[in-house]
Amino acid sequence: MIPPRPKNVEALEDYKLKVLFDNGEEKIYDMKKNLKENFYKNLNNKDYFKTVKISGITLEWKDGEDIDPDELYNNSKLQTKY
């Protein structure tokens, strides 16, 4: 099953991503654990990290770094609305 698709993404401080999904949920994904992997080494540059874009069913950066859609949705924390 394909997880909900991202509709909007905003890079936050401390290597977090705020993602609005097409089911209306707004979640925060923490990228800090990913930055330890060689594949994501370019994302340690905060300016580059902020260039994240939606690409199909997930998020991507210009040099090809992306996040597994299941990982992105299932391991993001739901934002509570007040």
Protein backbone atom coordinates (compact mmCIF):
# COMPACT_ATOMS: atom_id res chain seq x y z
CA MET A 1 0.00 0.00 0.00
CA ILE A 2 1.32 3.42 -0.94
CA PRO A 3 1.45 5.82 2.01
CA PRO A 4 -0.14 9.28 1.77
CA ARG A 5 1.74 11.60 -0.59
CA PRO A 6 3.46 14.76 0.57
CA LYS A 7 1.77 17.97 -0.61
CA ASN A 8 4.07 20.47 1.05
CA VAL A 9 7.46 20.35 2.75
CA GLU A 10 9.34 22.87 4.86
CA ALA A 11 12.88 22.41 6.13
CA LEU A 12 13.07 23.33 9.82
CA GLU A 13 15.98 23.96 12.14
CA ASP A 14 17.87 21.02 13.57
CA TYR A 15 17.49 18.91 10.40
CA LYS A 16 13.76 18.36 10.68
CA LEU A 17 11.18 18.42 7.91
CA LYS A 18 7.59 19.55 8.33
CA VAL A 19 5.48 17.63 5.83
CA LEU A 20 1.82 18.10 4.95
CA PHE A 21 0.40 14.91 3.47
CA ASP A 22 -2.53 14.59 1.07
CA ASN A 23 -4.65 13.01 3.83
CA GLY A 24 -4.48 16.31 5.77
CA GLU A 25 -1.93 15.13 8.36
CA GLU A 26 0.97 17.41 9.20
CA LYS A 27 4.00 15.55 10.50
CA ILE A 28 7.61 16.23 11.49
CA TYR A 29 10.36 13.96 10.19
CA ASP A 30 13.72 14.12 11.98
CA MET A 31 16.60 13.61 9.53
CA LYS A 32 19.41 13.59 12.13
CA LYS A 33 19.67 9.78 12.19
CA ASN A 34 19.90 9.69 8.38
CA LEU A 35 22.81 12.15 8.31
CA LYS A 36 25.10 9.46 9.76
CA GLU A 37 24.82 7.51 6.49
CA ASN A 38 27.23 8.32 3.65
CA PHE A 39 24.30 8.60 1.19
CA TYR A 40 23.07 11.70 3.05
CA LYS A 41 26.44 13.40 3.69
CA ASN A 42 25.58 16.43 1.52
CA LEU A 43 22.58 17.16 3.73
CA ASN A 44 24.90 18.18 6.56
CA ASN A 45 25.18 21.48 4.68
CA LYS A 46 22.19 23.38 6.07
CA ASP A 47 21.73 25.48 2.93
CA TYR A 48 21.61 22.34 0.80
CA PHE A 49 19.29 20.63 3.30
CA LYS A 50 16.81 23.49 2.86
CA THR A 51 16.53 22.78 -0.89
CA VAL A 52 14.32 19.73 -0.29
CA LYS A 53 11.47 19.32 -2.79
CA ILE A 54 8.52 17.01 -3.30
CA SER A 55 9.22 14.34 -5.90
CA GLY A 56 6.32 12.03 -6.67
CA ILE A 57 5.48 10.09 -3.53
CA THR A 58 8.43 11.29 -1.45
CA LEU A 59 10.98 14.07 -0.87
CA GLU A 60 14.21 14.57 -2.76
CA TRP A 61 17.27 16.81 -3.06
CA LYS A 62 18.94 17.81 -6.33
CA ASP A 63 21.82 15.33 -6.05
CA GLY A 64 19.41 12.39 -5.72
CA GLU A 65 19.12 11.98 -1.96
CA ASP A 66 15.61 10.89 -1.11
CA ILE A 67 13.61 9.23 1.64
CA ASP A 68 11.73 5.95 1.36
CA PRO A 69 8.01 6.94 1.30
CA ASP A 70 7.11 4.38 3.99
CA GLU A 71 9.96 5.65 6.20
CA LEU A 72 8.89 9.25 5.68
CA TYR A 73 5.26 8.70 6.61
CA ASN A 74 5.53 5.98 9.25
CA ASN A 75 8.43 7.50 11.19
CA SER A 76 7.21 11.09 11.21
CA LYS A 77 5.56 12.47 14.31
CA LEU A 78 2.05 13.82 13.98
CA GLN A 79 1.72 17.52 14.75
CA THR A 80 -0.95 18.30 17.27
CA LYS A 81 -3.17 21.26 16.50
CA TYR A 82 -4.21 23.58 19.28
